[in-house]
N, C-alpha and C. Protein backbone atom coordinates (compact mmCIF):
# COMPACT_ATOMS: atom_id res chain seq x y z
N UNK A 1 0.84 -1.16 0.00
CA UNK A 1 0.00 0.00 0.00
C UNK A 1 0.89 1.24 0.00
N UNK A 2 0.56 2.12 -0.93
CA UNK A 2 1.34 3.35 -1.01
C UNK A 2 0.57 4.47 -0.32
N UNK A 3 1.28 5.22 0.38
CA UNK A 3 0.69 6.35 1.09
C UNK A 3 0.90 7.59 0.22
N UNK A 4 -0.22 8.29 -0.03
CA UNK A 4 -0.14 9.50 -0.84
C UNK A 4 0.24 10.64 0.08
N UNK A 5 1.27 11.36 -0.27
CA UNK A 5 1.65 12.49 0.57
C UNK A 5 0.50 13.50 0.66
N UNK A 6 0.33 14.16 1.79
CA UNK A 6 -0.78 15.10 1.98
C UNK A 6 -0.81 16.20 0.93
N UNK A 7 0.31 16.65 0.44
CA UNK A 7 0.32 17.73 -0.56
C UNK A 7 -0.34 17.26 -1.85
N UNK A 8 -0.07 16.03 -2.27
CA UNK A 8 -0.68 15.51 -3.49
C UNK A 8 -2.19 15.32 -3.31
N UNK A 9 -2.60 14.85 -2.14
CA UNK A 9 -4.02 14.63 -1.88
C UNK A 9 -4.79 15.95 -1.89
N UNK A 10 -4.26 16.97 -1.26
CA UNK A 10 -4.94 18.27 -1.26
C UNK A 10 -4.96 18.89 -2.65
N UNK A 11 -3.92 18.64 -3.44
CA UNK A 11 -3.91 19.14 -4.82
C UNK A 11 -5.00 18.46 -5.64
N UNK A 12 -5.20 17.16 -5.41
CA UNK A 12 -6.24 16.43 -6.13
C UNK A 12 -7.63 16.94 -5.72
N UNK A 13 -7.83 17.16 -4.45
CA UNK A 13 -9.11 17.69 -3.97
C UNK A 13 -9.36 19.07 -4.55
N UNK A 14 -8.36 19.93 -4.55
CA UNK A 14 -8.50 21.28 -5.11
C UNK A 14 -8.82 21.22 -6.60
N UNK A 15 -8.16 20.32 -7.33
CA UNK A 15 -8.42 20.18 -8.76
C UNK A 15 -9.85 19.71 -9.00
N UNK A 16 -10.33 18.77 -8.19
CA UNK A 16 -11.70 18.25 -8.33
C UNK A 16 -12.72 19.36 -8.05
N UNK A 17 -12.50 20.13 -7.01
CA UNK A 17 -13.41 21.24 -6.67
C UNK A 17 -13.42 22.30 -7.77
N UNK A 18 -12.25 22.63 -8.28
CA UNK A 18 -12.17 23.62 -9.36
C UNK A 18 -12.90 23.13 -10.61
N UNK A 19 -12.77 21.84 -10.94
CA UNK A 19 -13.48 21.29 -12.11
C UNK A 19 -14.98 21.39 -11.91
N UNK A 20 -15.44 21.09 -10.72
CA UNK A 20 -16.89 21.16 -10.43
C UNK A 20 -17.39 22.60 -10.59
N UNK A 21 -16.68 23.57 -10.02
CA UNK A 21 -17.10 24.96 -10.13
C UNK A 21 -17.02 25.46 -11.57
N UNK A 22 -16.00 25.05 -12.30
CA UNK A 22 -15.89 25.45 -13.71
C UNK A 22 -17.05 24.86 -14.50
N UNK A 23 -17.39 23.61 -14.23
CA UNK A 23 -18.52 22.97 -14.90
C UNK A 23 -19.82 23.69 -14.56
N UNK A 24 -20.03 24.01 -13.29
CA UNK A 24 -21.24 24.74 -12.87
C UNK A 24 -21.31 26.11 -13.55
N UNK A 25 -20.21 26.79 -13.63
CA UNK A 25 -20.18 28.12 -14.28
C UNK A 25 -20.56 28.01 -15.75
N UNK A 26 -20.00 27.03 -16.43
CA UNK A 26 -20.31 26.83 -17.84
C UNK A 26 -21.79 26.48 -18.03
N UNK A 27 -22.34 25.63 -17.16
CA UNK A 27 -23.76 25.26 -17.25
C UNK A 27 -24.64 26.49 -17.03
N UNK A 28 -24.31 27.33 -16.05
CA UNK A 28 -25.10 28.54 -15.79
C UNK A 28 -25.06 29.49 -16.99
N UNK A 29 -23.88 29.70 -17.55
CA UNK A 29 -23.76 30.57 -18.72
C UNK A 29 -24.56 30.02 -19.89
N UNK A 30 -24.49 28.71 -20.12
CA UNK A 30 -25.26 28.10 -21.22
C UNK A 30 -26.76 28.22 -20.98
N UNK A 31 -27.22 28.04 -19.74
CA UNK A 31 -28.64 28.21 -19.43
C UNK A 31 -29.11 29.64 -19.68
N UNK A 32 -28.33 30.62 -19.23
CA UNK A 32 -28.69 32.03 -19.45
C UNK A 32 -28.70 32.38 -20.93
N UNK A 33 -27.71 31.90 -21.68
CA UNK A 33 -27.65 32.18 -23.12
C UNK A 33 -28.84 31.53 -23.83
N UNK A 34 -29.20 30.33 -23.44
CA UNK A 34 -30.36 29.65 -24.03
C UNK A 34 -31.64 30.40 -23.72
N UNK A 35 -31.81 30.82 -22.47
CA UNK A 35 -33.01 31.58 -22.09
C UNK A 35 -33.09 32.89 -22.88
N UNK A 36 -31.99 33.60 -23.01
CA UNK A 36 -31.98 34.86 -23.76
C UNK A 36 -32.32 34.62 -25.23
N UNK A 37 -31.78 33.56 -25.80
CA UNK A 37 -32.06 33.25 -27.21
C UNK A 37 -33.53 32.91 -27.40
N UNK A 38 -34.10 32.10 -26.51
CA UNK A 38 -35.51 31.72 -26.64
C UNK A 38 -36.43 32.93 -26.47
N UNK A 39 -36.14 33.76 -25.50
CA UNK A 39 -36.96 34.97 -25.29
C UNK A 39 -36.84 35.90 -26.50
N UNK A 40 -35.64 36.05 -27.02
CA UNK A 40 -35.44 36.88 -28.21
C UNK A 40 -36.20 36.35 -29.40
N UNK A 41 -36.16 35.05 -29.61
CA UNK A 41 -36.91 34.45 -30.72
C UNK A 41 -38.41 34.63 -30.54
N UNK A 42 -38.88 34.46 -29.31
CA UNK A 42 -40.32 34.60 -29.07
C UNK A 42 -40.78 36.03 -29.33
N UNK A 43 -40.01 37.02 -28.90
CA UNK A 43 -40.39 38.42 -29.12
C UNK A 43 -40.26 38.81 -30.58
N UNK A 44 -39.34 38.18 -31.30
CA UNK A 44 -39.16 38.50 -32.71
C UNK A 44 -40.28 37.90 -33.57
N UNK A 45 -40.85 36.79 -33.14
CA UNK A 45 -41.87 36.13 -33.94
C UNK A 45 -43.28 36.44 -33.48
N UNK A 46 -43.43 36.96 -32.29
CA UNK A 46 -44.76 37.27 -31.77
C UNK A 46 -44.98 38.78 -31.83
N UNK A 47 -46.18 39.20 -32.23
CA UNK A 47 -46.44 40.64 -32.24
C UNK A 47 -46.56 41.17 -30.82
N UNK A 48 -46.37 42.47 -30.70
CA UNK A 48 -46.53 43.10 -29.39
C UNK A 48 -47.96 42.90 -28.92
N UNK A 49 -48.15 42.92 -27.62
CA UNK A 49 -49.48 42.71 -27.07
C UNK A 49 -50.48 43.78 -27.47
N UNK A 50 -50.03 44.99 -27.61
CA UNK A 50 -50.95 46.10 -27.93
C UNK A 50 -50.22 47.09 -28.83
N UNK A 51 -50.66 47.18 -30.06
CA UNK A 51 -50.07 48.11 -31.01
C UNK A 51 -51.19 48.99 -31.56
N UNK A 52 -51.05 50.28 -31.38
CA UNK A 52 -52.03 51.21 -31.93
C UNK A 52 -51.51 51.79 -33.23
N UNK A 53 -52.32 51.74 -34.25
CA UNK A 53 -51.92 52.32 -35.52
C UNK A 53 -52.77 53.55 -35.81
N UNK A 54 -52.27 54.37 -36.71
CA UNK A 54 -52.96 55.61 -37.07
C UNK A 54 -52.57 55.94 -38.51
N UNK A 55 -53.44 56.61 -39.23
CA UNK A 55 -53.12 57.02 -40.59
C UNK A 55 -52.25 58.28 -40.52
N UNK A 56 -50.95 58.11 -40.72
CA UNK A 56 -50.00 59.22 -40.57
C UNK A 56 -50.28 60.36 -41.53
N UNK A 57 -50.81 60.07 -42.70
CA UNK A 57 -51.06 61.12 -43.70
C UNK A 57 -52.28 61.97 -43.34
N UNK A 58 -53.16 61.47 -42.47
CA UNK A 58 -54.40 62.19 -42.15
C UNK A 58 -54.53 62.56 -40.67
N UNK A 59 -53.51 62.36 -39.87
CA UNK A 59 -53.66 62.57 -38.44
C UNK A 59 -53.95 64.01 -38.07
N UNK A 60 -53.56 64.96 -38.89
CA UNK A 60 -53.82 66.38 -38.59
C UNK A 60 -55.24 66.81 -38.99
N UNK A 61 -55.99 65.95 -39.68
CA UNK A 61 -57.31 66.33 -40.18
C UNK A 61 -58.43 66.01 -39.20
N UNK A 62 -58.33 64.90 -38.49
CA UNK A 62 -59.38 64.54 -37.53
C UNK A 62 -58.82 63.54 -36.53
N UNK A 63 -59.53 63.38 -35.43
CA UNK A 63 -59.15 62.39 -34.44
C UNK A 63 -58.33 62.95 -33.30
N UNK A 64 -57.62 62.06 -32.66
CA UNK A 64 -56.91 62.38 -31.42
C UNK A 64 -55.79 63.40 -31.58
N UNK A 65 -55.13 63.44 -32.74
CA UNK A 65 -53.94 64.28 -32.90
C UNK A 65 -54.17 65.53 -33.76
N UNK A 66 -55.41 66.03 -33.83
CA UNK A 66 -55.61 67.32 -34.48
C UNK A 66 -54.99 68.39 -33.61
N UNK A 67 -54.60 69.51 -34.18
CA UNK A 67 -53.86 70.52 -33.43
C UNK A 67 -54.61 71.02 -32.20
N UNK A 68 -55.92 71.14 -32.27
CA UNK A 68 -56.69 71.63 -31.13
C UNK A 68 -56.75 70.62 -29.98
N UNK A 69 -56.32 69.39 -30.21
CA UNK A 69 -56.36 68.35 -29.19
C UNK A 69 -54.97 68.06 -28.61
N UNK A 70 -53.94 68.79 -29.05
CA UNK A 70 -52.58 68.54 -28.58
C UNK A 70 -52.32 69.31 -27.29
N UNK A 71 -51.43 68.78 -26.48
CA UNK A 71 -51.09 69.42 -25.21
C UNK A 71 -51.53 68.55 -24.05
N UNK A 72 -51.67 69.16 -22.88
CA UNK A 72 -51.97 68.46 -21.65
C UNK A 72 -53.45 68.56 -21.33
N UNK A 73 -54.06 67.43 -20.98
CA UNK A 73 -55.48 67.41 -20.61
C UNK A 73 -55.64 66.62 -19.32
N UNK A 74 -56.51 67.11 -18.44
CA UNK A 74 -56.83 66.40 -17.21
C UNK A 74 -58.02 65.49 -17.51
N UNK A 75 -57.86 64.22 -17.21
CA UNK A 75 -58.91 63.23 -17.46
C UNK A 75 -59.89 63.20 -16.29
N UNK A 76 -61.10 62.66 -16.49
CA UNK A 76 -62.09 62.62 -15.40
C UNK A 76 -61.61 61.89 -14.14
N UNK A 77 -60.71 60.92 -14.28
CA UNK A 77 -60.22 60.19 -13.11
C UNK A 77 -59.07 60.91 -12.39
N UNK A 78 -58.70 62.11 -12.87
CA UNK A 78 -57.63 62.88 -12.24
C UNK A 78 -56.26 62.66 -12.85
N UNK A 79 -56.13 61.67 -13.70
CA UNK A 79 -54.85 61.45 -14.39
C UNK A 79 -54.69 62.50 -15.48
N UNK A 80 -53.51 62.56 -16.05
CA UNK A 80 -53.21 63.56 -17.07
C UNK A 80 -52.76 62.84 -18.34
N UNK A 81 -53.27 63.30 -19.48
CA UNK A 81 -52.84 62.78 -20.78
C UNK A 81 -52.21 63.91 -21.57
N UNK A 82 -51.03 63.65 -22.09
CA UNK A 82 -50.32 64.63 -22.91
C UNK A 82 -50.23 64.07 -24.32
N UNK A 83 -50.76 64.82 -25.29
CA UNK A 83 -50.69 64.41 -26.69
C UNK A 83 -49.73 65.33 -27.42
N UNK A 84 -48.86 64.72 -28.25
CA UNK A 84 -47.86 65.51 -28.97
C UNK A 84 -47.56 64.85 -30.31
N UNK A 85 -47.02 65.65 -31.20
CA UNK A 85 -46.59 65.18 -32.52
C UNK A 85 -45.14 65.58 -32.71
N UNK A 86 -44.33 64.64 -33.18
CA UNK A 86 -42.97 64.93 -33.58
C UNK A 86 -42.93 64.98 -35.10
N UNK A 87 -42.55 66.11 -35.65
CA UNK A 87 -42.51 66.26 -37.10
C UNK A 87 -41.24 66.99 -37.48
N UNK A 88 -40.82 66.83 -38.73
CA UNK A 88 -39.58 67.50 -39.13
C UNK A 88 -39.79 69.00 -39.04
N UNK A 89 -39.16 69.71 -38.28
CA UNK A 89 -38.11 69.55 -37.30
C UNK A 89 -38.54 70.20 -36.01
N UNK A 90 -39.70 69.77 -35.49
CA UNK A 90 -40.23 70.34 -34.26
C UNK A 90 -41.17 69.36 -33.57
N UNK A 91 -41.42 69.64 -32.30
CA UNK A 91 -42.45 68.95 -31.55
C UNK A 91 -43.62 69.92 -31.41
N UNK A 92 -44.83 69.41 -31.51
CA UNK A 92 -46.02 70.24 -31.32
C UNK A 92 -46.84 69.59 -30.21
N UNK A 93 -47.06 70.32 -29.11
CA UNK A 93 -46.54 71.62 -28.75
C UNK A 93 -45.07 71.53 -28.35
N UNK A 94 -44.41 72.69 -28.35
CA UNK A 94 -42.97 72.69 -28.07
C UNK A 94 -42.65 72.79 -26.58
N UNK A 95 -43.68 72.93 -25.75
CA UNK A 95 -43.49 72.92 -24.30
C UNK A 95 -44.69 72.23 -23.67
N UNK A 96 -44.42 71.16 -22.93
CA UNK A 96 -45.47 70.36 -22.30
C UNK A 96 -45.51 70.67 -20.81
N UNK A 97 -46.68 70.98 -20.30
CA UNK A 97 -46.86 71.33 -18.90
C UNK A 97 -47.50 70.14 -18.18
N UNK A 98 -46.84 69.63 -17.12
CA UNK A 98 -47.36 68.48 -16.38
C UNK A 98 -47.23 68.72 -14.88
N UNK A 99 -48.10 68.08 -14.08
CA UNK A 99 -48.04 68.24 -12.63
C UNK A 99 -47.16 67.18 -11.96
N UNK A 100 -46.77 67.46 -10.73
CA UNK A 100 -46.05 66.47 -9.93
C UNK A 100 -47.05 65.49 -9.33
N UNK A 101 -46.55 64.33 -8.92
CA UNK A 101 -47.32 63.33 -8.16
C UNK A 101 -48.67 62.99 -8.78
N UNK A 102 -48.69 62.84 -10.09
CA UNK A 102 -49.91 62.51 -10.82
C UNK A 102 -49.56 61.50 -11.91
N UNK A 103 -50.40 60.49 -12.12
CA UNK A 103 -50.15 59.58 -13.25
C UNK A 103 -50.31 60.33 -14.57
N UNK A 104 -49.30 60.23 -15.41
CA UNK A 104 -49.29 60.94 -16.70
C UNK A 104 -49.10 59.92 -17.81
N UNK A 105 -49.87 60.06 -18.87
CA UNK A 105 -49.70 59.24 -20.06
C UNK A 105 -49.31 60.15 -21.21
N UNK A 106 -48.13 59.93 -21.76
CA UNK A 106 -47.70 60.64 -22.95
C UNK A 106 -48.13 59.81 -24.16
N UNK A 107 -48.87 60.43 -25.08
CA UNK A 107 -49.29 59.78 -26.32
C UNK A 107 -48.76 60.63 -27.46
N UNK A 108 -47.95 60.03 -28.31
CA UNK A 108 -47.31 60.81 -29.37
C UNK A 108 -47.18 59.97 -30.64
N UNK A 109 -47.05 60.66 -31.75
CA UNK A 109 -46.86 60.00 -33.05
C UNK A 109 -46.10 60.93 -33.98
N UNK A 110 -45.89 60.46 -35.19
CA UNK A 110 -45.17 61.24 -36.19
C UNK A 110 -45.89 61.10 -37.53
N UNK A 111 -46.00 62.20 -38.28
CA UNK A 111 -46.62 62.10 -39.61
C UNK A 111 -45.61 61.85 -40.74
N UNK A 112 -44.31 61.96 -40.47
CA UNK A 112 -43.36 61.94 -41.59
C UNK A 112 -42.26 60.89 -41.49
N UNK A 113 -41.36 60.99 -40.54
CA UNK A 113 -40.24 60.04 -40.40
C UNK A 113 -40.13 59.63 -38.93
N UNK A 114 -39.21 58.73 -38.65
CA UNK A 114 -38.99 58.28 -37.27
C UNK A 114 -38.31 59.40 -36.48
N UNK A 115 -38.86 59.70 -35.32
CA UNK A 115 -38.30 60.70 -34.41
C UNK A 115 -38.08 60.04 -33.05
N UNK A 116 -37.25 60.66 -32.24
CA UNK A 116 -37.02 60.18 -30.89
C UNK A 116 -37.81 61.01 -29.90
N UNK A 117 -38.31 60.38 -28.85
CA UNK A 117 -39.05 61.04 -27.78
C UNK A 117 -38.31 60.71 -26.49
N UNK A 118 -37.46 61.63 -26.06
CA UNK A 118 -36.60 61.44 -24.90
C UNK A 118 -36.80 62.61 -23.96
N UNK A 119 -37.06 62.32 -22.70
CA UNK A 119 -37.15 63.38 -21.70
C UNK A 119 -35.90 63.25 -20.82
N UNK A 120 -35.00 64.21 -20.94
CA UNK A 120 -33.71 64.17 -20.26
C UNK A 120 -33.91 64.15 -18.74
N UNK A 121 -33.16 63.30 -18.07
CA UNK A 121 -33.24 63.21 -16.62
C UNK A 121 -34.30 62.23 -16.14
N UNK A 122 -34.95 61.52 -17.07
CA UNK A 122 -35.96 60.52 -16.72
C UNK A 122 -35.64 59.24 -17.47
N UNK A 123 -36.45 58.21 -17.28
CA UNK A 123 -36.28 56.99 -18.05
C UNK A 123 -37.26 56.93 -19.23
N UNK A 124 -37.80 58.06 -19.63
CA UNK A 124 -38.72 58.12 -20.76
C UNK A 124 -37.91 58.26 -22.03
N UNK A 125 -38.02 57.25 -22.89
CA UNK A 125 -37.25 57.23 -24.13
C UNK A 125 -37.92 56.25 -25.08
N UNK A 126 -38.48 56.74 -26.19
CA UNK A 126 -39.11 55.87 -27.17
C UNK A 126 -38.96 56.48 -28.55
N UNK A 127 -39.42 55.76 -29.53
CA UNK A 127 -39.37 56.25 -30.90
C UNK A 127 -40.79 56.57 -31.36
N UNK A 128 -40.93 57.63 -32.14
CA UNK A 128 -42.20 57.98 -32.77
C UNK A 128 -42.11 57.52 -34.21
N UNK A 129 -42.85 56.49 -34.54
CA UNK A 129 -42.82 55.89 -35.86
C UNK A 129 -44.09 56.27 -36.60
N UNK A 130 -43.97 56.77 -37.84
CA UNK A 130 -45.18 57.12 -38.60
C UNK A 130 -46.13 55.93 -38.71
N UNK A 131 -47.39 56.19 -38.44
CA UNK A 131 -48.39 55.14 -38.51
C UNK A 131 -48.65 54.43 -37.20
N UNK A 132 -47.89 54.75 -36.15
CA UNK A 132 -48.06 54.11 -34.85
C UNK A 132 -48.15 55.17 -33.75
N UNK A 133 -48.87 54.83 -32.68
CA UNK A 133 -49.00 55.72 -31.54
C UNK A 133 -48.13 55.17 -30.41
N UNK A 134 -47.22 56.00 -29.91
CA UNK A 134 -46.40 55.63 -28.76
C UNK A 134 -47.12 56.10 -27.50
N UNK A 135 -47.24 55.22 -26.53
CA UNK A 135 -47.91 55.55 -25.27
C UNK A 135 -46.97 55.20 -24.13
N UNK A 136 -46.63 56.21 -23.32
CA UNK A 136 -45.68 56.04 -22.23
C UNK A 136 -46.30 56.56 -20.94
N UNK A 137 -46.25 55.76 -19.90
CA UNK A 137 -46.77 56.20 -18.60
C UNK A 137 -45.61 56.72 -17.76
N UNK A 138 -45.91 57.78 -16.99
CA UNK A 138 -44.86 58.40 -16.18
C UNK A 138 -45.48 59.06 -14.95
N UNK A 139 -44.59 59.43 -14.04
CA UNK A 139 -44.98 60.20 -12.85
C UNK A 139 -43.74 60.99 -12.45
N UNK A 140 -43.91 62.29 -12.24
CA UNK A 140 -42.80 63.15 -11.83
C UNK A 140 -42.99 63.50 -10.36
N UNK A 141 -41.93 63.38 -9.57
CA UNK A 141 -42.06 63.68 -8.14
C UNK A 141 -41.58 65.08 -7.78
N UNK A 142 -40.74 65.69 -8.62
CA UNK A 142 -40.20 67.01 -8.30
C UNK A 142 -40.48 68.01 -9.42
N UNK A 143 -40.81 69.25 -9.06
CA UNK A 143 -40.96 70.28 -10.08
C UNK A 143 -39.62 70.56 -10.77
N UNK A 144 -39.68 71.02 -11.98
CA UNK A 144 -38.46 71.34 -12.71
C UNK A 144 -38.72 71.37 -14.20
N UNK A 145 -37.68 71.61 -14.95
CA UNK A 145 -37.81 71.67 -16.40
C UNK A 145 -36.84 70.66 -17.02
N UNK A 146 -37.35 69.90 -17.98
CA UNK A 146 -36.56 68.87 -18.67
C UNK A 146 -36.52 69.18 -20.16
N UNK A 147 -35.36 69.00 -20.76
CA UNK A 147 -35.26 69.12 -22.21
C UNK A 147 -35.81 67.84 -22.85
N UNK A 148 -36.36 68.00 -24.04
CA UNK A 148 -36.90 66.87 -24.78
C UNK A 148 -36.36 66.92 -26.21
N UNK A 149 -35.12 66.46 -26.43
CA UNK A 149 -34.57 66.48 -27.78
C UNK A 149 -35.02 65.27 -28.58
N UNK A 150 -35.00 65.41 -29.89
CA UNK A 150 -35.20 64.25 -30.77
C UNK A 150 -33.86 63.54 -30.83
N UNK A 151 -33.82 62.27 -30.42
CA UNK A 151 -32.54 61.56 -30.41
C UNK A 151 -32.43 60.55 -31.55
N UNK A 152 -33.35 60.59 -32.52
CA UNK A 152 -33.25 59.77 -33.73
C UNK A 152 -33.01 60.72 -34.90
N UNK A 153 -31.94 60.49 -35.66
CA UNK A 153 -31.63 61.39 -36.77
C UNK A 153 -32.80 61.40 -37.76
N UNK A 154 -33.36 62.59 -38.00
CA UNK A 154 -34.56 62.70 -38.83
C UNK A 154 -34.37 63.60 -40.04
N UNK A 155 -33.17 64.06 -40.28
CA UNK A 155 -32.91 64.90 -41.45
C UNK A 155 -31.95 66.03 -41.10
N UNK A 156 -31.78 66.95 -42.05
CA UNK A 156 -30.78 68.00 -41.90
C UNK A 156 -31.10 68.99 -40.78
N UNK A 157 -32.33 69.12 -40.36
CA UNK A 157 -32.69 70.03 -39.27
C UNK A 157 -32.79 69.36 -37.92
N UNK A 158 -32.34 68.13 -37.83
CA UNK A 158 -32.47 67.32 -36.61
C UNK A 158 -31.89 68.00 -35.38
N UNK A 159 -30.74 68.63 -35.51
CA UNK A 159 -30.08 69.20 -34.33
C UNK A 159 -30.89 70.31 -33.66
N UNK A 160 -31.84 70.90 -34.36
CA UNK A 160 -32.66 71.96 -33.79
C UNK A 160 -34.01 71.47 -33.29
N UNK A 161 -34.24 70.16 -33.34
CA UNK A 161 -35.54 69.61 -32.93
C UNK A 161 -35.51 69.23 -31.46
N UNK A 162 -36.11 70.06 -30.65
CA UNK A 162 -36.21 69.79 -29.23
C UNK A 162 -37.40 70.55 -28.67
N UNK A 163 -37.86 70.12 -27.51
CA UNK A 163 -38.96 70.78 -26.81
C UNK A 163 -38.61 70.78 -25.32
N UNK A 164 -39.55 71.22 -24.50
CA UNK A 164 -39.35 71.24 -23.06
C UNK A 164 -40.54 70.57 -22.36
N UNK A 165 -40.27 69.98 -21.23
CA UNK A 165 -41.32 69.46 -20.36
C UNK A 165 -41.17 70.21 -19.05
N UNK A 166 -42.19 70.98 -18.73
CA UNK A 166 -42.16 71.78 -17.50
C UNK A 166 -43.06 71.11 -16.46
N UNK A 167 -42.44 70.67 -15.37
CA UNK A 167 -43.15 70.00 -14.28
C UNK A 167 -43.40 71.03 -13.19
N UNK A 168 -44.68 71.23 -12.85
CA UNK A 168 -45.03 72.19 -11.80
C UNK A 168 -45.76 71.48 -10.67
N UNK A 169 -45.85 72.14 -9.54
CA UNK A 169 -46.53 71.59 -8.37
C UNK A 169 -47.98 71.24 -8.72
N UNK A 170 -48.47 70.16 -8.16
CA UNK A 170 -49.82 69.67 -8.48
C UNK A 170 -50.90 70.71 -8.16
N UNK A 171 -50.77 71.42 -7.03
CA UNK A 171 -51.76 72.43 -6.66
C UNK A 171 -51.76 73.58 -7.68
N UNK A 172 -50.59 74.01 -8.09
CA UNK A 172 -50.47 75.06 -9.10
C UNK A 172 -51.07 74.61 -10.43
N UNK A 173 -50.80 73.36 -10.81
CA UNK A 173 -51.36 72.80 -12.05
C UNK A 173 -52.88 72.77 -11.99
N UNK A 174 -53.42 72.34 -10.86
CA UNK A 174 -54.89 72.28 -10.70
C UNK A 174 -55.49 73.67 -10.84
N UNK A 175 -54.85 74.67 -10.25
CA UNK A 175 -55.33 76.05 -10.35
C UNK A 175 -55.30 76.52 -11.80
N UNK A 176 -54.19 76.25 -12.51
CA UNK A 176 -54.05 76.69 -13.89
C UNK A 176 -54.99 75.97 -14.85
N UNK A 177 -55.29 74.71 -14.56
CA UNK A 177 -56.09 73.91 -15.49
C UNK A 177 -57.59 74.09 -15.30
N UNK A 178 -58.01 74.79 -14.26
CA UNK A 178 -59.44 74.97 -14.01
C UNK A 178 -60.12 75.63 -15.21
N UNK A 179 -61.09 74.93 -15.77
CA UNK A 179 -61.86 75.48 -16.89
C UNK A 179 -61.18 75.39 -18.25
N UNK A 180 -60.00 74.80 -18.32
CA UNK A 180 -59.29 74.70 -19.60
C UNK A 180 -59.37 73.26 -20.10
N UNK A 181 -59.60 73.10 -21.39
CA UNK A 181 -59.66 71.77 -21.99
C UNK A 181 -58.26 71.22 -22.26
N UNK A 182 -57.36 72.08 -22.75
CA UNK A 182 -55.98 71.71 -23.09
C UNK A 182 -55.04 72.76 -22.54
N UNK A 183 -53.82 72.32 -22.20
CA UNK A 183 -52.84 73.25 -21.67
C UNK A 183 -51.47 73.01 -22.29
N UNK A 184 -50.68 74.07 -22.33
CA UNK A 184 -49.26 73.97 -22.66
C UNK A 184 -48.55 75.08 -21.89
N UNK A 185 -47.26 75.19 -22.02
CA UNK A 185 -46.52 76.23 -21.29
C UNK A 185 -46.91 77.62 -21.76
N UNK A 186 -47.39 77.74 -22.98
CA UNK A 186 -47.74 79.06 -23.54
C UNK A 186 -49.00 79.64 -22.91
N UNK A 187 -49.80 78.79 -22.24
CA UNK A 187 -51.07 79.29 -21.66
C UNK A 187 -50.83 80.18 -20.46
């Protein structure tokens, strides 16, 4: 019977443990990669749960996005809906007025090309695609002013396409909105 020196035995144990952990790491990485691939395939082959379309060529003539219907509106349930259009090379309206501590839904579209809808300092960031309505829910906790640049290249005037989102105190907003159907910063 040969006696294995303790150094060799501990080296064998360490090698066995390292192989097990390396195998576990590889299995975890393969599982995560498989899950990501399957989820990606499912989202690529399945339509979104809710897609709103609109006739981009006629949106200014009637319906939700006519010019008289753009801006901020207080809904009967107390929530706020903001409707806007991104068009070469401006947002209409160019200043959106919203209250603090209130559920807000931004609804926007584009009649011409793809535009970006980004509110700086928030996690609001989407694309305005002609023929589709983008709907984003938000809530602002602090008053302030945020820039809203177009972050999708839309043509030679792209660099000048930006708007503002002005967040004011809820009580001030309620006072200003009394009796008004639509609001913007210009009011």
